[in-house]
């Protein structure tokens, strides 16, 4: 799974986490 991030802003600064949801998180 991908996340294409364009026109990034300073407020997008963060730790980004991937979640898989299937019989639990």
PDBML (XML) file of the C-alpha atoms, coordinates in Angstrom:
<?xml version="1.0" encoding="UTF-8" ?>
<PDBx:datablock datablockName="MODEL"
   xmlns:PDBx="http://pdbml.pdb.org/schema/pdbx-v50.xsd"
   xmlns:xsi="http://www.w3.org/2001/XMLSchema-instance"
   xsi:schemaLocation="http://pdbml.pdb.org/schema/pdbx-v50.xsd pdbx-v50.xsd">
   <PDBx:atom_siteCategory>
      <PDBx:atom_site id="1">
         <PDBx:B_iso_or_equiv>0.00</PDBx:B_iso_or_equiv>
         <PDBx:Cartn_x>0.000</PDBx:Cartn_x>
         <PDBx:Cartn_y>0.000</PDBx:Cartn_y>
         <PDBx:Cartn_z>0.000</PDBx:Cartn_z>
         <PDBx:auth_asym_id>A</PDBx:auth_asym_id>
         <PDBx:auth_atom_id>CA</PDBx:auth_atom_id>
         <PDBx:auth_comp_id>UNK</PDBx:auth_comp_id>
         <PDBx:auth_seq_id>1</PDBx:auth_seq_id>
         <PDBx:group_PDB>ATOM</PDBx:group_PDB>
         <PDBx:label_alt_id xsi:nil="true" />
         <PDBx:label_asym_id>A</PDBx:label_asym_id>
         <PDBx:label_atom_id>CA</PDBx:label_atom_id>
         <PDBx:label_comp_id>UNK</PDBx:label_comp_id>
         <PDBx:label_entity_id>1</PDBx:label_entity_id>
         <PDBx:label_seq_id>1</PDBx:label_seq_id>
         <PDBx:occupancy>1.00</PDBx:occupancy>
         <PDBx:pdbx_PDB_model_num>1</PDBx:pdbx_PDB_model_num>
         <PDBx:type_symbol>C</PDBx:type_symbol>
      </PDBx:atom_site>
      <PDBx:atom_site id="2">
         <PDBx:B_iso_or_equiv>0.00</PDBx:B_iso_or_equiv>
         <PDBx:Cartn_x>1.269</PDBx:Cartn_x>
         <PDBx:Cartn_y>3.460</PDBx:Cartn_y>
         <PDBx:Cartn_z>-0.872</PDBx:Cartn_z>
         <PDBx:auth_asym_id>A</PDBx:auth_asym_id>
         <PDBx:auth_atom_id>CA</PDBx:auth_atom_id>
         <PDBx:auth_comp_id>UNK</PDBx:auth_comp_id>
         <PDBx:auth_seq_id>2</PDBx:auth_seq_id>
         <PDBx:group_PDB>ATOM</PDBx:group_PDB>
         <PDBx:label_alt_id xsi:nil="true" />
         <PDBx:label_asym_id>A</PDBx:label_asym_id>
         <PDBx:label_atom_id>CA</PDBx:label_atom_id>
         <PDBx:label_comp_id>UNK</PDBx:label_comp_id>
         <PDBx:label_entity_id>1</PDBx:label_entity_id>
         <PDBx:label_seq_id>2</PDBx:label_seq_id>
         <PDBx:occupancy>1.00</PDBx:occupancy>
         <PDBx:pdbx_PDB_model_num>1</PDBx:pdbx_PDB_model_num>
         <PDBx:type_symbol>C</PDBx:type_symbol>
      </PDBx:atom_site>
      <PDBx:atom_site id="3">
         <PDBx:B_iso_or_equiv>0.00</PDBx:B_iso_or_equiv>
         <PDBx:Cartn_x>0.713</PDBx:Cartn_x>
         <PDBx:Cartn_y>7.046</PDBx:Cartn_y>
         <PDBx:Cartn_z>0.162</PDBx:Cartn_z>
         <PDBx:auth_asym_id>A</PDBx:auth_asym_id>
         <PDBx:auth_atom_id>CA</PDBx:auth_atom_id>
         <PDBx:auth_comp_id>UNK</PDBx:auth_comp_id>
         <PDBx:auth_seq_id>3</PDBx:auth_seq_id>
         <PDBx:group_PDB>ATOM</PDBx:group_PDB>
         <PDBx:label_alt_id xsi:nil="true" />
         <PDBx:label_asym_id>A</PDBx:label_asym_id>
         <PDBx:label_atom_id>CA</PDBx:label_atom_id>
         <PDBx:label_comp_id>UNK</PDBx:label_comp_id>
         <PDBx:label_entity_id>1</PDBx:label_entity_id>
         <PDBx:label_seq_id>3</PDBx:label_seq_id>
         <PDBx:occupancy>1.00</PDBx:occupancy>
         <PDBx:pdbx_PDB_model_num>1</PDBx:pdbx_PDB_model_num>
         <PDBx:type_symbol>C</PDBx:type_symbol>
      </PDBx:atom_site>
      <PDBx:atom_site id="4">
         <PDBx:B_iso_or_equiv>0.00</PDBx:B_iso_or_equiv>
         <PDBx:Cartn_x>1.590</PDBx:Cartn_x>
         <PDBx:Cartn_y>9.620</PDBx:Cartn_y>
         <PDBx:Cartn_z>-2.484</PDBx:Cartn_z>
         <PDBx:auth_asym_id>A</PDBx:auth_asym_id>
         <PDBx:auth_atom_id>CA</PDBx:auth_atom_id>
         <PDBx:auth_comp_id>UNK</PDBx:auth_comp_id>
         <PDBx:auth_seq_id>4</PDBx:auth_seq_id>
         <PDBx:group_PDB>ATOM</PDBx:group_PDB>
         <PDBx:label_alt_id xsi:nil="true" />
         <PDBx:label_asym_id>A</PDBx:label_asym_id>
         <PDBx:label_atom_id>CA</PDBx:label_atom_id>
         <PDBx:label_comp_id>UNK</PDBx:label_comp_id>
         <PDBx:label_entity_id>1</PDBx:label_entity_id>
         <PDBx:label_seq_id>4</PDBx:label_seq_id>
         <PDBx:occupancy>1.00</PDBx:occupancy>
         <PDBx:pdbx_PDB_model_num>1</PDBx:pdbx_PDB_model_num>
         <PDBx:type_symbol>C</PDBx:type_symbol>
      </PDBx:atom_site>
      <PDBx:atom_site id="5">
         <PDBx:B_iso_or_equiv>0.00</PDBx:B_iso_or_equiv>
         <PDBx:Cartn_x>2.035</PDBx:Cartn_x>
         <PDBx:Cartn_y>12.955</PDBx:Cartn_y>
         <PDBx:Cartn_z>-0.775</PDBx:Cartn_z>
         <PDBx:auth_asym_id>A</PDBx:auth_asym_id>
         <PDBx:auth_atom_id>CA</PDBx:auth_atom_id>
         <PDBx:auth_comp_id>UNK</PDBx:auth_comp_id>
         <PDBx:auth_seq_id>5</PDBx:auth_seq_id>
         <PDBx:group_PDB>ATOM</PDBx:group_PDB>
         <PDBx:label_alt_id xsi:nil="true" />
         <PDBx:label_asym_id>A</PDBx:label_asym_id>
         <PDBx:label_atom_id>CA</PDBx:label_atom_id>
         <PDBx:label_comp_id>UNK</PDBx:label_comp_id>
         <PDBx:label_entity_id>1</PDBx:label_entity_id>
         <PDBx:label_seq_id>5</PDBx:label_seq_id>
         <PDBx:occupancy>1.00</PDBx:occupancy>
         <PDBx:pdbx_PDB_model_num>1</PDBx:pdbx_PDB_model_num>
         <PDBx:type_symbol>C</PDBx:type_symbol>
      </PDBx:atom_site>
      <PDBx:atom_site id="6">
         <PDBx:B_iso_or_equiv>0.00</PDBx:B_iso_or_equiv>
         <PDBx:Cartn_x>2.145</PDBx:Cartn_x>
         <PDBx:Cartn_y>16.081</PDBx:Cartn_y>
         <PDBx:Cartn_z>-2.942</PDBx:Cartn_z>
         <PDBx:auth_asym_id>A</PDBx:auth_asym_id>
         <PDBx:auth_atom_id>CA</PDBx:auth_atom_id>
         <PDBx:auth_comp_id>UNK</PDBx:auth_comp_id>
         <PDBx:auth_seq_id>6</PDBx:auth_seq_id>
         <PDBx:group_PDB>ATOM</PDBx:group_PDB>
         <PDBx:label_alt_id xsi:nil="true" />
         <PDBx:label_asym_id>A</PDBx:label_asym_id>
         <PDBx:label_atom_id>CA</PDBx:label_atom_id>
         <PDBx:label_comp_id>UNK</PDBx:label_comp_id>
         <PDBx:label_entity_id>1</PDBx:label_entity_id>
         <PDBx:label_seq_id>6</PDBx:label_seq_id>
         <PDBx:occupancy>1.00</PDBx:occupancy>
         <PDBx:pdbx_PDB_model_num>1</PDBx:pdbx_PDB_model_num>
         <PDBx:type_symbol>C</PDBx:type_symbol>
      </PDBx:atom_site>
      <PDBx:atom_site id="7">
         <PDBx:B_iso_or_equiv>0.00</PDBx:B_iso_or_equiv>
         <PDBx:Cartn_x>2.190</PDBx:Cartn_x>
         <PDBx:Cartn_y>19.790</PDBx:Cartn_y>
         <PDBx:Cartn_z>-2.137</PDBx:Cartn_z>
         <PDBx:auth_asym_id>A</PDBx:auth_asym_id>
         <PDBx:auth_atom_id>CA</PDBx:auth_atom_id>
         <PDBx:auth_comp_id>UNK</PDBx:auth_comp_id>
         <PDBx:auth_seq_id>7</PDBx:auth_seq_id>
         <PDBx:group_PDB>ATOM</PDBx:group_PDB>
         <PDBx:label_alt_id xsi:nil="true" />
         <PDBx:label_asym_id>A</PDBx:label_asym_id>
         <PDBx:label_atom_id>CA</PDBx:label_atom_id>
         <PDBx:label_comp_id>UNK</PDBx:label_comp_id>
         <PDBx:label_entity_id>1</PDBx:label_entity_id>
         <PDBx:label_seq_id>7</PDBx:label_seq_id>
         <PDBx:occupancy>1.00</PDBx:occupancy>
         <PDBx:pdbx_PDB_model_num>1</PDBx:pdbx_PDB_model_num>
         <PDBx:type_symbol>C</PDBx:type_symbol>
      </PDBx:atom_site>
      <PDBx:atom_site id="8">
         <PDBx:B_iso_or_equiv>0.00</PDBx:B_iso_or_equiv>
         <PDBx:Cartn_x>3.609</PDBx:Cartn_x>
         <PDBx:Cartn_y>18.995</PDBx:Cartn_y>
         <PDBx:Cartn_z>1.265</PDBx:Cartn_z>
         <PDBx:auth_asym_id>A</PDBx:auth_asym_id>
         <PDBx:auth_atom_id>CA</PDBx:auth_atom_id>
         <PDBx:auth_comp_id>UNK</PDBx:auth_comp_id>
         <PDBx:auth_seq_id>8</PDBx:auth_seq_id>
         <PDBx:group_PDB>ATOM</PDBx:group_PDB>
         <PDBx:label_alt_id xsi:nil="true" />
         <PDBx:label_asym_id>A</PDBx:label_asym_id>
         <PDBx:label_atom_id>CA</PDBx:label_atom_id>
         <PDBx:label_comp_id>UNK</PDBx:label_comp_id>
         <PDBx:label_entity_id>1</PDBx:label_entity_id>
         <PDBx:label_seq_id>8</PDBx:label_seq_id>
         <PDBx:occupancy>1.00</PDBx:occupancy>
         <PDBx:pdbx_PDB_model_num>1</PDBx:pdbx_PDB_model_num>
         <PDBx:type_symbol>C</PDBx:type_symbol>
      </PDBx:atom_site>
      <PDBx:atom_site id="9">
         <PDBx:B_iso_or_equiv>0.00</PDBx:B_iso_or_equiv>
         <PDBx:Cartn_x>3.301</PDBx:Cartn_x>
         <PDBx:Cartn_y>21.552</PDBx:Cartn_y>
         <PDBx:Cartn_z>4.038</PDBx:Cartn_z>
         <PDBx:auth_asym_id>A</PDBx:auth_asym_id>
         <PDBx:auth_atom_id>CA</PDBx:auth_atom_id>
         <PDBx:auth_comp_id>UNK</PDBx:auth_comp_id>
         <PDBx:auth_seq_id>9</PDBx:auth_seq_id>
         <PDBx:group_PDB>ATOM</PDBx:group_PDB>
         <PDBx:label_alt_id xsi:nil="true" />
         <PDBx:label_asym_id>A</PDBx:label_asym_id>
         <PDBx:label_atom_id>CA</PDBx:label_atom_id>
         <PDBx:label_comp_id>UNK</PDBx:label_comp_id>
         <PDBx:label_entity_id>1</PDBx:label_entity_id>
         <PDBx:label_seq_id>9</PDBx:label_seq_id>
         <PDBx:occupancy>1.00</PDBx:occupancy>
         <PDBx:pdbx_PDB_model_num>1</PDBx:pdbx_PDB_model_num>
         <PDBx:type_symbol>C</PDBx:type_symbol>
      </PDBx:atom_site>
      <PDBx:atom_site id="10">
         <PDBx:B_iso_or_equiv>0.00</PDBx:B_iso_or_equiv>
         <PDBx:Cartn_x>5.309</PDBx:Cartn_x>
         <PDBx:Cartn_y>22.025</PDBx:Cartn_y>
         <PDBx:Cartn_z>7.210</PDBx:Cartn_z>
         <PDBx:auth_asym_id>A</PDBx:auth_asym_id>
         <PDBx:auth_atom_id>CA</PDBx:auth_atom_id>
         <PDBx:auth_comp_id>UNK</PDBx:auth_comp_id>
         <PDBx:auth_seq_id>10</PDBx:auth_seq_id>
         <PDBx:group_PDB>ATOM</PDBx:group_PDB>
         <PDBx:label_alt_id xsi:nil="true" />
         <PDBx:label_asym_id>A</PDBx:label_asym_id>
         <PDBx:label_atom_id>CA</PDBx:label_atom_id>
         <PDBx:label_comp_id>UNK</PDBx:label_comp_id>
         <PDBx:label_entity_id>1</PDBx:label_entity_id>
         <PDBx:label_seq_id>10</PDBx:label_seq_id>
         <PDBx:occupancy>1.00</PDBx:occupancy>
         <PDBx:pdbx_PDB_model_num>1</PDBx:pdbx_PDB_model_num>
         <PDBx:type_symbol>C</PDBx:type_symbol>
      </PDBx:atom_site>
      <PDBx:atom_site id="11">
         <PDBx:B_iso_or_equiv>0.00</PDBx:B_iso_or_equiv>
         <PDBx:Cartn_x>2.289</PDBx:Cartn_x>
         <PDBx:Cartn_y>20.859</PDBx:Cartn_y>
         <PDBx:Cartn_z>9.193</PDBx:Cartn_z>
         <PDBx:auth_asym_id>A</PDBx:auth_asym_id>
         <PDBx:auth_atom_id>CA</PDBx:auth_atom_id>
         <PDBx:auth_comp_id>UNK</PDBx:auth_comp_id>
         <PDBx:auth_seq_id>11</PDBx:auth_seq_id>
         <PDBx:group_PDB>ATOM</PDBx:group_PDB>
         <PDBx:label_alt_id xsi:nil="true" />
         <PDBx:label_asym_id>A</PDBx:label_asym_id>
         <PDBx:label_atom_id>CA</PDBx:label_atom_id>
         <PDBx:label_comp_id>UNK</PDBx:label_comp_id>
         <PDBx:label_entity_id>1</PDBx:label_entity_id>
         <PDBx:label_seq_id>11</PDBx:label_seq_id>
         <PDBx:occupancy>1.00</PDBx:occupancy>
         <PDBx:pdbx_PDB_model_num>1</PDBx:pdbx_PDB_model_num>
         <PDBx:type_symbol>C</PDBx:type_symbol>
      </PDBx:atom_site>
      <PDBx:atom_site id="12">
         <PDBx:B_iso_or_equiv>0.00</PDBx:B_iso_or_equiv>
         <PDBx:Cartn_x>2.515</PDBx:Cartn_x>
         <PDBx:Cartn_y>17.460</PDBx:Cartn_y>
         <PDBx:Cartn_z>7.489</PDBx:Cartn_z>
         <PDBx:auth_asym_id>A</PDBx:auth_asym_id>
         <PDBx:auth_atom_id>CA</PDBx:auth_atom_id>
         <PDBx:auth_comp_id>UNK</PDBx:auth_comp_id>
         <PDBx:auth_seq_id>12</PDBx:auth_seq_id>
         <PDBx:group_PDB>ATOM</PDBx:group_PDB>
         <PDBx:label_alt_id xsi:nil="true" />
         <PDBx:label_asym_id>A</PDBx:label_asym_id>
         <PDBx:label_atom_id>CA</PDBx:label_atom_id>
         <PDBx:label_comp_id>UNK</PDBx:label_comp_id>
         <PDBx:label_entity_id>1</PDBx:label_entity_id>
         <PDBx:label_seq_id>12</PDBx:label_seq_id>
         <PDBx:occupancy>1.00</PDBx:occupancy>
         <PDBx:pdbx_PDB_model_num>1</PDBx:pdbx_PDB_model_num>
         <PDBx:type_symbol>C</PDBx:type_symbol>
      </PDBx:atom_site>
      <PDBx:atom_site id="13">
         <PDBx:B_iso_or_equiv>0.00</PDBx:B_iso_or_equiv>
         <PDBx:Cartn_x>5.653</PDBx:Cartn_x>
         <PDBx:Cartn_y>16.790</PDBx:Cartn_y>
         <PDBx:Cartn_z>9.515</PDBx:Cartn_z>
         <PDBx:auth_asym_id>A</PDBx:auth_asym_id>
         <PDBx:auth_atom_id>CA</PDBx:auth_atom_id>
         <PDBx:auth_comp_id>UNK</PDBx:auth_comp_id>
         <PDBx:auth_seq_id>13</PDBx:auth_seq_id>
         <PDBx:group_PDB>ATOM</PDBx:group_PDB>
         <PDBx:label_alt_id xsi:nil="true" />
         <PDBx:label_asym_id>A</PDBx:label_asym_id>
         <PDBx:label_atom_id>CA</PDBx:label_atom_id>
         <PDBx:label_comp_id>UNK</PDBx:label_comp_id>
         <PDBx:label_entity_id>1</PDBx:label_entity_id>
         <PDBx:label_seq_id>13</PDBx:label_seq_id>
         <PDBx:occupancy>1.00</PDBx:occupancy>
         <PDBx:pdbx_PDB_model_num>1</PDBx:pdbx_PDB_model_num>
         <PDBx:type_symbol>C</PDBx:type_symbol>
      </PDBx:atom_site>
      <PDBx:atom_site id="14">
         <PDBx:B_iso_or_equiv>0.00</PDBx:B_iso_or_equiv>
         <PDBx:Cartn_x>4.997</PDBx:Cartn_x>
         <PDBx:Cartn_y>13.686</PDBx:Cartn_y>
         <PDBx:Cartn_z>11.606</PDBx:Cartn_z>
         <PDBx:auth_asym_id>A</PDBx:auth_asym_id>
         <PDBx:auth_atom_id>CA</PDBx:auth_atom_id>
         <PDBx:auth_comp_id>UNK</PDBx:auth_comp_id>
         <PDBx:auth_seq_id>14</PDBx:auth_seq_id>
         <PDBx:group_PDB>ATOM</PDBx:group_PDB>
         <PDBx:label_alt_id xsi:nil="true" />
         <PDBx:label_asym_id>A</PDBx:label_asym_id>
         <PDBx:label_atom_id>CA</PDBx:label_atom_id>
         <PDBx:label_comp_id>UNK</PDBx:label_comp_id>
         <PDBx:label_entity_id>1</PDBx:label_entity_id>
         <PDBx:label_seq_id>14</PDBx:label_seq_id>
         <PDBx:occupancy>1.00</PDBx:occupancy>
         <PDBx:pdbx_PDB_model_num>1</PDBx:pdbx_PDB_model_num>
         <PDBx:type_symbol>C</PDBx:type_symbol>
      </PDBx:atom_site>
      <PDBx:atom_site id="15">
         <PDBx:B_iso_or_equiv>0.00</PDBx:B_iso_or_equiv>
         <PDBx:Cartn_x>5.744</PDBx:Cartn_x>
         <PDBx:Cartn_y>10.029</PDBx:Cartn_y>
         <PDBx:Cartn_z>12.051</PDBx:Cartn_z>
         <PDBx:auth_asym_id>A</PDBx:auth_asym_id>
         <PDBx:auth_atom_id>CA</PDBx:auth_atom_id>
         <PDBx:auth_comp_id>UNK</PDBx:auth_comp_id>
         <PDBx:auth_seq_id>15</PDBx:auth_seq_id>
         <PDBx:group_PDB>ATOM</PDBx:group_PDB>
         <PDBx:label_alt_id xsi:nil="true" />
         <PDBx:label_asym_id>A</PDBx:label_asym_id>
         <PDBx:label_atom_id>CA</PDBx:label_atom_id>
         <PDBx:label_comp_id>UNK</PDBx:label_comp_id>
         <PDBx:label_entity_id>1</PDBx:label_entity_id>
         <PDBx:label_seq_id>15</PDBx:label_seq_id>
         <PDBx:occupancy>1.00</PDBx:occupancy>
         <PDBx:pdbx_PDB_model_num>1</PDBx:pdbx_PDB_model_num>
         <PDBx:type_symbol>C</PDBx:type_symbol>
      </PDBx:atom_site>
      <PDBx:atom_site id="16">
         <PDBx:B_iso_or_equiv>0.00</PDBx:B_iso_or_equiv>
         <PDBx:Cartn_x>3.582</PDBx:Cartn_x>
         <PDBx:Cartn_y>8.148</PDBx:Cartn_y>
         <PDBx:Cartn_z>9.581</PDBx:Cartn_z>
         <PDBx:auth_asym_id>A</PDBx:auth_asym_id>
         <PDBx:auth_atom_id>CA</PDBx:auth_atom_id>
         <PDBx:auth_comp_id>UNK</PDBx:auth_comp_id>
         <PDBx:auth_seq_id>16</PDBx:auth_seq_id>
         <PDBx:group_PDB>ATOM</PDBx:group_PDB>
         <PDBx:label_alt_id xsi:nil="true" />
         <PDBx:label_asym_id>A</PDBx:label_asym_id>
         <PDBx:label_atom_id>CA</PDBx:label_atom_id>
         <PDBx:label_comp_id>UNK</PDBx:label_comp_id>
         <PDBx:label_entity_id>1</PDBx:label_entity_id>
         <PDBx:label_seq_id>16</PDBx:label_seq_id>
         <PDBx:occupancy>1.00</PDBx:occupancy>
         <PDBx:pdbx_PDB_model_num>1</PDBx:pdbx_PDB_model_num>
         <PDBx:type_symbol>C</PDBx:type_symbol>
      </PDBx:atom_site>
      <PDBx:atom_site id="17">
         <PDBx:B_iso_or_equiv>0.00</PDBx:B_iso_or_equiv>
         <PDBx:Cartn_x>2.265</PDBx:Cartn_x>
         <PDBx:Cartn_y>4.720</PDBx:Cartn_y>
         <PDBx:Cartn_z>10.474</PDBx:Cartn_z>
         <PDBx:auth_asym_id>A</PDBx:auth_asym_id>
         <PDBx:auth_atom_id>CA</PDBx:auth_atom_id>
         <PDBx:auth_comp_id>UNK</PDBx:auth_comp_id>
         <PDBx:auth_seq_id>17</PDBx:auth_seq_id>
         <PDBx:group_PDB>ATOM</PDBx:group_PDB>
         <PDBx:label_alt_id xsi:nil="true" />
         <PDBx:label_asym_id>A</PDBx:label_asym_id>
         <PDBx:label_atom_id>CA</PDBx:label_atom_id>
         <PDBx:label_comp_id>UNK</PDBx:label_comp_id>
         <PDBx:label_entity_id>1</PDBx:label_entity_id>
         <PDBx:label_seq_id>17</PDBx:label_seq_id>
         <PDBx:occupancy>1.00</PDBx:occupancy>
         <PDBx:pdbx_PDB_model_num>1</PDBx:pdbx_PDB_model_num>
         <PDBx:type_symbol>C</PDBx:type_symbol>
      </PDBx:atom_site>
      <PDBx:atom_site id="18">
         <PDBx:B_iso_or_equiv>0.00</PDBx:B_iso_or_equiv>
         <PDBx:Cartn_x>0.786</PDBx:Cartn_x>
         <PDBx:Cartn_y>2.015</PDBx:Cartn_y>
         <PDBx:Cartn_z>8.327</PDBx:Cartn_z>
         <PDBx:auth_asym_id>A</PDBx:auth_asym_id>
         <PDBx:auth_atom_id>CA</PDBx:auth_atom_id>
         <PDBx:auth_comp_id>UNK</PDBx:auth_comp_id>
         <PDBx:auth_seq_id>18</PDBx:auth_seq_id>
         <PDBx:group_PDB>ATOM</PDBx:group_PDB>
         <PDBx:label_alt_id xsi:nil="true" />
         <PDBx:label_asym_id>A</PDBx:label_asym_id>
         <PDBx:label_atom_id>CA</PDBx:label_atom_id>
         <PDBx:label_comp_id>UNK</PDBx:label_comp_id>
         <PDBx:label_entity_id>1</PDBx:label_entity_id>
         <PDBx:label_seq_id>18</PDBx:label_seq_id>
         <PDBx:occupancy>1.00</PDBx:occupancy>
         <PDBx:pdbx_PDB_model_num>1</PDBx:pdbx_PDB_model_num>
         <PDBx:type_symbol>C</PDBx:type_symbol>
      </PDBx:atom_site>
      <PDBx:atom_site id="19">
         <PDBx:B_iso_or_equiv>0.00</PDBx:B_iso_or_equiv>
         <PDBx:Cartn_x>-2.199</PDBx:Cartn_x>
         <PDBx:Cartn_y>0.107</PDBx:Cartn_y>
         <PDBx:Cartn_z>9.672</PDBx:Cartn_z>
         <PDBx:auth_asym_id>A</PDBx:auth_asym_id>
         <PDBx:auth_atom_id>CA</PDBx:auth_atom_id>
         <PDBx:auth_comp_id>UNK</PDBx:auth_comp_id>
         <PDBx:auth_seq_id>19</PDBx:auth_seq_id>
         <PDBx:group_PDB>ATOM</PDBx:group_PDB>
         <PDBx:label_alt_id xsi:nil="true" />
         <PDBx:label_asym_id>A</PDBx:label_asym_id>
         <PDBx:label_atom_id>CA</PDBx:label_atom_id>
         <PDBx:label_comp_id>UNK</PDBx:label_comp_id>
         <PDBx:label_entity_id>1</PDBx:label_entity_id>
         <PDBx:label_seq_id>19</PDBx:label_seq_id>
         <PDBx:occupancy>1.00</PDBx:occupancy>
         <PDBx:pdbx_PDB_model_num>1</PDBx:pdbx_PDB_model_num>
         <PDBx:type_symbol>C</PDBx:type_symbol>
      </PDBx:atom_site>
      <PDBx:atom_site id="20">
         <PDBx:B_iso_or_equiv>0.00</PDBx:B_iso_or_equiv>
         <PDBx:Cartn_x>-3.323</PDBx:Cartn_x>
         <PDBx:Cartn_y>-3.333</PDBx:Cartn_y>
         <PDBx:Cartn_z>8.586</PDBx:Cartn_z>
         <PDBx:auth_asym_id>A</PDBx:auth_asym_id>
         <PDBx:auth_atom_id>CA</PDBx:auth_atom_id>
         <PDBx:auth_comp_id>UNK</PDBx:auth_comp_id>
         <PDBx:auth_seq_id>20</PDBx:auth_seq_id>
         <PDBx:group_PDB>ATOM</PDBx:group_PDB>
         <PDBx:label_alt_id xsi:nil="true" />
         <PDBx:label_asym_id>A</PDBx:label_asym_id>
         <PDBx:label_atom_id>CA</PDBx:label_atom_id>
         <PDBx:label_comp_id>UNK</PDBx:label_comp_id>
         <PDBx:label_entity_id>1</PDBx:label_entity_id>
         <PDBx:label_seq_id>20</PDBx:label_seq_id>
         <PDBx:occupancy>1.00</PDBx:occupancy>
         <PDBx:pdbx_PDB_model_num>1</PDBx:pdbx_PDB_model_num>
         <PDBx:type_symbol>C</PDBx:type_symbol>
      </PDBx:atom_site>
      <PDBx:atom_site id="21">
         <PDBx:B_iso_or_equiv>0.00</PDBx:B_iso_or_equiv>
         <PDBx:Cartn_x>-6.820</PDBx:Cartn_x>
         <PDBx:Cartn_y>-4.182</PDBx:Cartn_y>
         <PDBx:Cartn_z>9.702</PDBx:Cartn_z>
         <PDBx:auth_asym_id>A</PDBx:auth_asym_id>
         <PDBx:auth_atom_id>CA</PDBx:auth_atom_id>
         <PDBx:auth_comp_id>UNK</PDBx:auth_comp_id>
         <PDBx:auth_seq_id>21</PDBx:auth_seq_id>
         <PDBx:group_PDB>ATOM</PDBx:group_PDB>
         <PDBx:label_alt_id xsi:nil="true" />
         <PDBx:label_asym_id>A</PDBx:label_asym_id>
         <PDBx:label_atom_id>CA</PDBx:label_atom_id>
         <PDBx:label_comp_id>UNK</PDBx:label_comp_id>
         <PDBx:label_entity_id>1</PDBx:label_entity_id>
         <PDBx:label_seq_id>21</PDBx:label_seq_id>
         <PDBx:occupancy>1.00</PDBx:occupancy>
         <PDBx:pdbx_PDB_model_num>1</PDBx:pdbx_PDB_model_num>
         <PDBx:type_symbol>C</PDBx:type_symbol>
      </PDBx:atom_site>
      <PDBx:atom_site id="22">
         <PDBx:B_iso_or_equiv>0.00</PDBx:B_iso_or_equiv>
         <PDBx:Cartn_x>-7.780</PDBx:Cartn_x>
         <PDBx:Cartn_y>-7.845</PDBx:Cartn_y>
         <PDBx:Cartn_z>9.435</PDBx:Cartn_z>
         <PDBx:auth_asym_id>A</PDBx:auth_asym_id>
         <PDBx:auth_atom_id>CA</PDBx:auth_atom_id>
         <PDBx:auth_comp_id>UNK</PDBx:auth_comp_id>
         <PDBx:auth_seq_id>22</PDBx:auth_seq_id>
         <PDBx:group_PDB>ATOM</PDBx:group_PDB>
         <PDBx:label_alt_id xsi:nil="true" />
         <PDBx:label_asym_id>A</PDBx:label_asym_id>
         <PDBx:label_atom_id>CA</PDBx:label_atom_id>
         <PDBx:label_comp_id>UNK</PDBx:label_comp_id>
         <PDBx:label_entity_id>1</PDBx:label_entity_id>
         <PDBx:label_seq_id>22</PDBx:label_seq_id>
         <PDBx:occupancy>1.00</PDBx:occupancy>
         <PDBx:pdbx_PDB_model_num>1</PDBx:pdbx_PDB_model_num>
         <PDBx:type_symbol>C</PDBx:type_symbol>
      </PDBx:atom_site>
      <PDBx:atom_site id="23">
         <PDBx:B_iso_or_equiv>0.00</PDBx:B_iso_or_equiv>
         <PDBx:Cartn_x>-8.841</PDBx:Cartn_x>
         <PDBx:Cartn_y>-9.816</PDBx:Cartn_y>
         <PDBx:Cartn_z>12.459</PDBx:Cartn_z>
         <PDBx:auth_asym_id>A</PDBx:auth_asym_id>
         <PDBx:auth_atom_id>CA</PDBx:auth_atom_id>
         <PDBx:auth_comp_id>UNK</PDBx:auth_comp_id>
         <PDBx:auth_seq_id>23</PDBx:auth_seq_id>
         <PDBx:group_PDB>ATOM</PDBx:group_PDB>
         <PDBx:label_alt_id xsi:nil="true" />
         <PDBx:label_asym_id>A</PDBx:label_asym_id>
         <PDBx:label_atom_id>CA</PDBx:label_atom_id>
         <PDBx:label_comp_id>UNK</PDBx:label_comp_id>
         <PDBx:label_entity_id>1</PDBx:label_entity_id>
         <PDBx:label_seq_id>23</PDBx:label_seq_id>
         <PDBx:occupancy>1.00</PDBx:occupancy>
         <PDBx:pdbx_PDB_model_num>1</PDBx:pdbx_PDB_model_num>
         <PDBx:type_symbol>C</PDBx:type_symbol>
      </PDBx:atom_site>
      <PDBx:atom_site id="24">
         <PDBx:B_iso_or_equiv>0.00</PDBx:B_iso_or_equiv>
         <PDBx:Cartn_x>-7.375</PDBx:Cartn_x>
         <PDBx:Cartn_y>-7.034</PDBx:Cartn_y>
         <PDBx:Cartn_z>14.529</PDBx:Cartn_z>
         <PDBx:auth_asym_id>A</PDBx:auth_asym_id>
         <PDBx:auth_atom_id>CA</PDBx:auth_atom_id>
         <PDBx:auth_comp_id>UNK</PDBx:auth_comp_id>
         <PDBx:auth_seq_id>24</PDBx:auth_seq_id>
         <PDBx:group_PDB>ATOM</PDBx:group_PDB>
         <PDBx:label_alt_id xsi:nil="true" />
         <PDBx:label_asym_id>A</PDBx:label_asym_id>
         <PDBx:label_atom_id>CA</PDBx:label_atom_id>
         <PDBx:label_comp_id>UNK</PDBx:label_comp_id>
         <PDBx:label_entity_id>1</PDBx:label_entity_id>
         <PDBx:label_seq_id>24</PDBx:label_seq_id>
         <PDBx:occupancy>1.00</PDBx:occupancy>
         <PDBx:pdbx_PDB_model_num>1</PDBx:pdbx_PDB_model_num>
         <PDBx:type_symbol>C</PDBx:type_symbol>
      </PDBx:atom_site>
      <PDBx:atom_site id="25">
         <PDBx:B_iso_or_equiv>0.00</PDBx:B_iso_or_equiv>
         <PDBx:Cartn_x>-5.230</PDBx:Cartn_x>
         <PDBx:Cartn_y>-3.952</PDBx:Cartn_y>
         <PDBx:Cartn_z>14.065</PDBx:Cartn_z>
         <PDBx:auth_asym_id>A</PDBx:auth_asym_id>
         <PDBx:auth_atom_id>CA</PDBx:auth_atom_id>
         <PDBx:auth_comp_id>UNK</PDBx:auth_comp_id>
         <PDBx:auth_seq_id>25</PDBx:auth_seq_id>
         <PDBx:group_PDB>ATOM</PDBx:group_PDB>
         <PDBx:label_alt_id xsi:nil="true" />
         <PDBx:label_asym_id>A</PDBx:label_asym_id>
         <PDBx:label_atom_id>CA</PDBx:label_atom_id>
         <PDBx:label_comp_id>UNK</PDBx:label_comp_id>
         <PDBx:label_entity_id>1</PDBx:label_entity_id>
         <PDBx:label_seq_id>25</PDBx:label_seq_id>
         <PDBx:occupancy>1.00</PDBx:occupancy>
         <PDBx:pdbx_PDB_model_num>1</PDBx:pdbx_PDB_model_num>
         <PDBx:type_symbol>C</PDBx:type_symbol>
      </PDBx:atom_site>
   </PDBx:atom_siteCategory>
</PDBx:datablock>
